[in-house]
Protein backbone atom coordinates (compact mmCIF):
# COMPACT_ATOMS: atom_id res chain seq x y z
CA MET A 1 0.00 0.00 0.00
CA GLU A 2 1.33 3.43 -0.91
CA SER A 3 2.65 5.45 2.06
CA GLN A 4 0.41 8.31 3.20
CA VAL A 5 3.33 10.20 4.75
CA GLN A 6 3.63 13.73 3.38
CA LYS A 7 7.19 14.17 2.20
CA LEU A 8 9.10 17.32 3.00
CA ARG A 9 10.09 19.02 -0.25
CA VAL A 10 13.66 20.31 -0.01
CA ALA A 11 16.02 22.27 -2.27
CA LEU A 12 19.81 22.30 -2.12
CA VAL A 13 21.00 25.89 -2.41
CA GLY A 14 24.72 25.84 -3.14
CA GLY A 15 26.92 22.78 -3.18
CA ALA A 16 30.35 24.28 -2.54
CA HIS A 17 30.96 23.18 1.05
CA ILE A 18 33.20 20.23 1.82
CA HIS A 19 30.36 18.56 3.77
CA THR A 20 27.91 18.71 0.85
CA PRO A 21 28.47 15.07 -0.21
CA GLY A 22 27.62 13.92 3.31
CA PHE A 23 24.42 15.97 3.32
CA ILE A 24 23.46 14.61 -0.09
CA ASP A 25 23.92 11.09 1.28
CA ALA A 26 21.76 11.93 4.31
CA LEU A 27 19.01 13.39 2.11
CA ASN A 28 19.03 10.37 -0.18
CA LYS A 29 18.57 8.04 2.78
CA ARG A 30 15.44 9.78 4.07
CA ASP A 31 12.17 8.27 2.86
CA ASP A 32 10.25 11.27 4.24
CA VAL A 33 12.16 13.84 2.16
CA SER A 34 11.92 14.68 -1.51
CA VAL A 35 14.70 16.84 -2.94
CA VAL A 36 13.10 18.73 -5.80
CA ALA A 37 15.82 21.17 -6.93
CA ALA A 38 19.55 21.84 -6.75
CA TRP A 39 21.06 25.27 -7.41
CA ASP A 40 24.59 26.62 -7.51
CA HIS A 41 26.06 29.70 -9.15
CA ASP A 42 28.44 27.24 -10.86
CA PRO A 43 26.28 25.32 -13.38
CA ALA A 44 28.64 22.34 -13.45
CA ARG A 45 28.49 21.99 -9.68
CA ALA A 46 24.71 22.38 -9.72
CA ALA A 47 24.46 19.60 -12.32
CA LYS A 48 26.75 17.33 -10.29
CA CYS A 49 24.70 17.82 -7.13
CA ALA A 50 21.43 17.38 -9.01
CA GLU A 51 22.62 14.11 -10.50
CA ALA A 52 23.64 12.82 -7.06
CA LEU A 53 20.24 13.82 -5.63
CA GLY A 54 18.18 12.64 -8.59
CA CYS A 55 16.52 16.03 -9.01
CA PRO A 56 16.55 18.86 -11.56
CA ALA A 57 19.24 21.53 -11.51
CA VAL A 58 17.77 25.02 -11.53
CA SER A 59 19.52 28.14 -12.78
CA ASN A 60 17.08 30.68 -11.33
CA LEU A 61 16.65 30.76 -7.55
CA ALA A 62 13.19 32.25 -7.94
CA ALA A 63 12.11 28.70 -8.73
CA VAL A 64 13.00 27.84 -5.13
CA TRP A 65 11.94 30.98 -3.27
CA ASP A 66 8.61 31.34 -5.09
CA ASP A 67 7.53 27.70 -4.78
CA PRO A 68 5.29 27.37 -1.69
CA ALA A 69 5.57 23.60 -1.86
CA ILE A 70 9.30 23.75 -1.03
CA GLY A 71 9.38 23.78 2.75
CA ALA A 72 13.12 23.71 3.48
CA VAL A 73 16.49 24.54 1.98
CA ILE A 74 19.99 23.26 2.66
CA ILE A 75 22.48 26.10 2.10
CA CYS A 76 26.00 24.85 1.40
CA SER A 77 27.34 27.74 -0.67
CA GLU A 78 30.56 29.67 -0.16
CA THR A 79 30.32 31.73 3.02
CA ASP A 80 30.42 35.09 1.24
CA ARG A 81 27.11 34.17 -0.45
CA HIS A 82 25.31 33.36 2.82
CA LEU A 83 23.97 36.85 3.48
CA GLU A 84 22.09 36.96 0.17
CA LEU A 85 20.89 33.35 0.30
CA VAL A 86 19.93 33.19 3.97
CA SER A 87 18.13 36.54 3.74
CA ALA A 88 16.17 35.33 0.71
CA ALA A 89 15.30 32.05 2.43
CA ALA A 90 14.06 33.95 5.48
CA ALA A 91 11.99 36.29 3.30
CA ALA A 92 10.46 33.25 1.60
CA LYS A 93 9.87 31.65 5.04
CA LYS A 94 11.77 28.49 4.24
CA HIS A 95 13.16 26.37 7.04
CA MET A 96 16.90 26.40 6.56
CA PHE A 97 20.06 24.51 7.36
CA ALA A 98 23.06 26.75 6.62
CA GLU A 99 26.59 25.44 6.92
CA LYS A 100 28.93 27.09 9.37
CA PRO A 101 30.08 29.77 9.76
CA LEU A 102 26.80 31.63 9.45
CA GLY A 103 28.39 34.73 7.94
CA ILE A 104 31.63 36.22 6.76
CA ASN A 105 31.61 38.71 9.65
CA ALA A 106 29.67 39.53 12.82
CA ARG A 107 27.60 42.31 11.24
CA ASP A 108 26.25 40.09 8.47
CA SER A 109 25.71 37.19 10.87
CA PHE A 110 23.63 39.20 13.32
CA GLN A 111 21.63 40.61 10.40
CA MET A 112 20.89 37.08 9.20
CA ALA A 113 20.02 35.92 12.71
CA ARG A 114 17.45 38.70 13.06
CA ALA A 115 15.93 37.84 9.68
CA ILE A 116 15.68 34.13 10.54
CA GLU A 117 14.13 34.86 13.94
CA ALA A 118 11.61 37.25 12.39
CA ALA A 119 10.64 34.63 9.81
CA GLY A 120 9.81 32.14 12.55
CA VAL A 121 11.36 29.20 10.69
CA HIS A 122 13.43 26.27 11.90
CA PHE A 123 17.17 26.81 11.57
CA THR A 124 20.38 25.03 12.46
CA THR A 125 23.98 24.78 11.38
CA GLY A 126 26.62 22.08 11.31
CA TYR A 127 27.91 21.99 14.89
CA PHE A 128 27.84 18.21 15.09
CA LEU A 129 30.10 17.85 18.14
CA ARG A 130 27.11 18.69 20.35
CA THR A 131 25.49 15.40 19.35
CA THR A 132 28.32 13.10 20.47
CA PRO A 133 28.07 10.99 23.66
CA GLU A 134 31.17 12.61 25.16
CA MET A 135 29.89 16.17 24.81
CA LEU A 136 26.38 15.27 25.95
CA PHE A 137 27.87 13.68 29.07
CA LEU A 138 30.05 16.67 29.86
CA LYS A 139 27.16 19.07 29.29
CA ARG A 140 25.17 17.16 31.91
CA GLN A 141 28.09 17.15 34.38
CA VAL A 142 28.66 20.89 33.98
CA GLU A 143 24.96 21.53 34.60
CA ASN A 144 25.03 19.21 37.65
CA GLY A 145 28.00 21.07 39.17
CA ALA A 146 30.34 18.08 39.04
CA PHE A 147 33.35 20.35 38.42
CA GLY A 148 32.62 22.80 41.22
CA THR A 149 33.69 26.26 40.11
CA VAL A 150 35.07 25.89 36.61
CA THR A 151 38.32 27.82 36.35
CA ARG A 152 39.75 27.07 32.93
CA VAL A 153 38.80 25.21 29.76
CA ARG A 154 40.60 24.31 26.56
CA GLY A 155 39.32 23.24 23.17
CA SER A 156 41.46 21.96 20.31
CA ASN A 157 40.43 20.97 16.79
CA CYS A 158 43.26 20.34 14.37
CA HIS A 159 44.07 18.24 11.31
CA SER A 160 46.65 18.06 8.54
CA GLY A 161 44.59 19.63 5.74
CA SER A 162 47.32 22.02 4.57
CA LEU A 163 49.96 19.31 4.77
CA GLY A 164 47.79 16.96 2.73
CA GLY A 165 46.52 19.50 0.23
CA TRP A 166 42.87 18.90 1.09
CA PHE A 167 41.84 22.26 -0.39
CA ASP A 168 43.92 22.20 -3.58
CA THR A 169 41.06 21.56 -6.02
CA ASP A 170 37.30 21.28 -5.37
CA TYR A 171 37.33 23.16 -2.08
CA ARG A 172 39.99 25.76 -2.82
CA TRP A 173 37.62 28.58 -1.79
CA MET A 174 37.72 27.35 1.81
CA ALA A 175 41.37 28.42 1.92
CA ASP A 176 40.56 31.93 0.65
CA PRO A 177 39.57 34.10 3.64
CA LYS A 178 37.95 36.67 1.33
CA VAL A 179 35.40 34.02 0.36
CA ALA A 180 35.34 31.84 3.48
CA GLY A 181 35.65 34.67 5.99
CA VAL A 182 38.37 32.79 7.88
CA GLY A 183 41.29 30.47 7.30
CA ALA A 184 42.21 27.29 9.13
CA PHE A 185 41.87 28.69 12.64
CA GLY A 186 38.30 29.86 12.07
CA ASP A 187 37.28 26.90 9.92
CA LEU A 188 38.11 24.22 12.46
CA GLY A 189 38.16 26.35 15.57
CA THR A 190 34.49 27.26 15.28
CA HIS A 191 33.52 23.68 16.19
CA SER A 192 35.47 23.70 19.45
CA LEU A 193 34.40 27.28 20.09
CA ASP A 194 30.78 26.21 19.80
CA ILE A 195 31.35 23.50 22.40
CA LEU A 196 33.07 25.89 24.80
CA MET A 197 30.25 28.44 24.48
CA TRP A 198 27.57 25.73 24.66
CA LEU A 199 29.09 24.55 27.94
CA PHE A 200 30.20 27.83 29.51
CA GLY A 201 28.26 30.66 27.92
CA PRO A 202 29.09 33.99 26.28
CA ILE A 203 32.59 35.35 25.70
CA SER A 204 33.30 39.04 26.23
CA ALA A 205 36.80 39.42 24.76
CA ALA A 206 39.54 37.51 22.97
CA THR A 207 43.16 37.73 22.00
CA ALA A 208 45.02 35.40 19.68
CA ASP A 209 48.11 34.50 17.69
CA ILE A 210 47.13 33.23 14.22
CA ARG A 211 49.78 32.30 11.67
CA ILE A 212 50.68 31.03 8.22
CA ILE A 213 53.08 28.07 8.34
CA THR A 214 53.54 26.42 4.93
CA ASN A 215 51.96 29.14 2.73
CA ARG A 216 50.43 26.40 0.59
CA TYR A 217 47.38 28.64 0.35
CA PRO A 218 48.69 32.22 0.10
CA ASN A 219 47.24 34.73 2.57
CA CYS A 220 45.39 31.96 4.42
CA ASP A 221 46.17 31.28 8.07
CA GLU A 222 46.98 27.68 8.95
CA THR A 223 47.15 27.57 12.74
CA GLY A 224 46.29 29.63 15.77
CA GLU A 225 45.69 29.85 19.49
CA ALA A 226 43.23 32.16 21.25
CA LEU A 227 42.75 33.21 24.85
CA LEU A 228 39.11 33.80 25.72
CA LYS A 229 37.42 35.73 28.54
CA PHE A 230 34.06 34.19 29.41
CA GLU A 231 31.46 36.41 31.02
CA SER A 232 31.19 33.78 33.77
CA GLY A 233 34.84 34.30 34.74
CA VAL A 234 36.11 31.09 33.16
CA ILE A 235 39.45 31.38 31.35
CA GLY A 236 39.42 29.63 27.97
CA THR A 237 41.94 28.69 25.32
CA LEU A 238 41.19 27.55 21.79
CA ALA A 239 43.60 25.87 19.37
CA ALA A 240 42.87 25.05 15.73
CA GLY A 241 44.73 24.51 12.49
CA TRP A 242 45.46 22.52 9.36
CA VAL A 243 49.13 21.73 10.05
CA ASP A 244 48.84 19.22 12.90
CA VAL A 245 49.66 15.55 12.46
CA GLU A 246 47.81 14.67 15.70
CA ASN A 247 45.17 16.24 17.95
CA PRO A 248 45.25 13.96 21.00
CA VAL A 249 43.61 16.22 23.60
CA SER A 250 40.49 17.80 22.14
CA LEU A 251 38.90 19.17 25.31
CA LEU A 252 39.95 19.93 28.86
CA ILE A 253 37.80 21.19 31.73
CA SER A 254 39.29 22.10 35.10
CA GLY A 255 37.36 23.12 38.21
CA THR A 256 37.67 23.29 41.97
CA GLU A 257 36.04 19.87 42.42
CA GLY A 258 36.60 18.10 39.14
CA HIS A 259 38.52 17.68 35.92
CA ALA A 260 37.83 16.14 32.55
CA ALA A 261 39.92 15.55 29.45
CA ILE A 262 39.04 13.96 26.14
CA ILE A 263 42.16 12.13 25.03
CA HIS A 264 42.13 10.20 21.74
CA GLY A 265 38.33 10.30 21.87
CA GLN A 266 38.00 8.90 25.40
CA ILE A 267 36.88 10.81 28.49
CA PHE A 268 38.98 10.80 31.63
CA PHE A 269 36.68 12.20 34.33
CA HIS A 270 37.48 13.08 37.93
CA SER A 271 34.90 14.54 40.29
CA SER A 272 34.59 14.59 44.07
CA LYS A 273 30.82 14.64 43.55
CA VAL A 274 30.47 11.54 41.37
CA ASP A 275 31.06 8.03 42.68
CA GLY A 276 33.83 6.19 40.88
CA ALA A 277 35.01 9.26 38.97
CA ASP A 278 38.70 9.09 39.85
CA GLY A 279 40.00 9.96 36.37
CA LYS A 280 42.31 6.94 36.23
CA GLU A 281 40.48 4.97 33.55
CA PRO A 282 38.31 6.05 30.60
CA TRP A 283 34.75 6.86 31.63
CA ASN A 284 32.41 4.72 29.57
CA ASP A 285 29.00 5.39 31.16
CA LEU A 286 27.88 7.77 28.44
CA PRO A 287 24.51 8.72 26.93
CA GLU A 288 23.52 7.70 23.44
CA ALA A 289 24.50 10.03 20.61
CA THR A 290 21.71 12.20 19.28
CA PRO A 291 21.08 12.61 15.54
CA ARG A 292 23.48 14.85 13.66
CA PRO A 293 22.39 18.43 12.92
CA ILE A 294 21.15 17.72 9.38
CA GLU A 295 18.90 14.92 10.69
CA GLN A 296 17.60 17.03 13.58
CA PHE A 297 16.85 19.84 11.15
CA LEU A 298 14.92 17.58 8.78
CA ASN A 299 12.97 16.14 11.73
CA ALA A 300 12.08 19.64 12.93
CA ALA A 301 11.03 20.78 9.46
CA GLN A 302 8.84 17.68 9.17
CA GLY A 303 7.17 18.40 12.51
CA LYS A 304 8.77 15.30 14.02
CA PRO A 305 10.50 15.14 17.43
CA TYR A 306 14.05 16.49 17.52
CA ASP A 307 16.62 16.96 20.27
CA ALA A 308 17.97 20.46 19.73
CA LEU A 309 18.85 22.97 17.06
CA VAL A 310 21.56 25.63 17.05
CA SER A 311 19.75 28.96 17.29
CA PRO A 312 20.48 31.78 14.83
CA ALA A 313 21.73 33.91 17.74
CA GLU A 314 24.16 31.16 18.79
CA ALA A 315 25.48 30.80 15.24
CA ALA A 316 26.03 34.57 14.96
CA ALA A 317 27.72 34.76 18.36
CA ARG A 318 30.36 32.22 17.28
CA VAL A 319 31.18 34.37 14.24
CA ALA A 320 31.51 37.42 16.50
CA VAL A 321 34.02 35.68 18.78
CA MET A 322 36.05 34.48 15.81
CA GLU A 323 36.05 37.98 14.34
CA ALA A 324 37.36 39.34 17.64
CA ALA A 325 40.11 36.70 17.74
CA TYR A 326 41.27 37.59 14.22
CA GLN A 327 41.15 41.31 14.99
CA ALA A 328 43.17 40.75 18.16
CA ALA A 329 45.75 38.67 16.31
CA GLU A 330 46.23 41.47 13.79
CA THR A 331 46.59 44.19 16.41
CA GLN A 332 48.24 42.07 19.12
CA THR A 333 45.72 43.36 21.66
CA TRP A 334 42.52 42.21 23.31
CA ALA A 335 39.38 42.68 21.22
CA LYS A 336 35.85 43.00 22.55
CA VAL A 337 33.32 40.60 21.10
CA ALA A 338 30.57 42.33 19.10
CA ARG A 339 26.96 42.04 20.19
CA LYS A 340 23.78 42.29 18.14
C-alpha cells in the first residue's frame, strides 16, 4: 500500500561546502524527504549535485523561493554568499540549514540571525560535536555542578589539511579568507568554540596569535591559538589549524572539584561529587548520541521530534568571537566581542 506520509520538499541551495556530499547522502537516505531542486552559481556543480540527488538543476533561484511547496532549503554555498541566500530564504519563510560559519563577519551574521528569527522558521547549522556521547555527558556534568567552580577550559580541533593538500582543487575557496571569511583557525576552531560556548556561555573578549606556516594557500592562516574571557569568569583557550599531524587532547575542563579531558576520543573524568570518577580509567557510562544536525533539522522541518537545534543567535555569536580573535591577532591586543 502506498505510504500516506507527506514528504518534505527540499532544495539544495549551493553545493560548494566540503560537507555537501555527506548531506546529499543523508538526504538520499530519508524516505520522508523529496529533494526537488539543486542550485549553484556554478552550473557544473549544480548539475553534479542534481545528479547525485536525482533532481533537476535550476539556474534561477526564484524557482525555489517562489515555490510554496518547497518547505526547506539546505544552504551549502561559499560563506560570502550566505547573506544573500539566507536573507532570501528567510523572506520566503523556508526552514533552513546553513553550513557554518553563518556569515563572513559579525555584522552580516547578526543581520541574518534577526531575519531568521523574524521569519519564525526552523534553523540550524553544522555543529555536530554537540550530538556526540562525550559532549552530551560533559554538558550534563557541567549543569550538575560536578566540576565545582570551573576555572579554565581548553578546546582543540586540528588536522593536517594544509599538509595533505585537502583544499587544492574542489574546495579551494575554503582556503581563501575573502570568500570563506576565515582560514584554518576559524574553519576548524568554530567547532570547538561552539562546544566551549555551549558549555560555559558567552565570551566578552579575545586575543590570539594566528599564523601562516607552509603558505600552501597564500594569505590563508593555517594555525592559531586564542585566549578567551568568558562572562562567567572562566578562562578559555582555543587551538585550531590545518598543520597538525595529531590532535590527541580535544577538550579539557578544570574546576575546583573536578577535571575532565578527552584524550584520543575517550573521556577521563574526575569529580569529588560523582562516585567512581577518579580519572584513572576512561569513563564509559555515556549517553547515546543524538542525531546529527542535518537529521535534527529535517525532523524539525517535518514536525517530528528532535533533540535540539543551534539557534540563529548562537550561530552569529560564534562568528563574532572568531572575528574578535582575528582582529586581536592582527593588532596584538585584546578585542571585545561584538553584540547584536
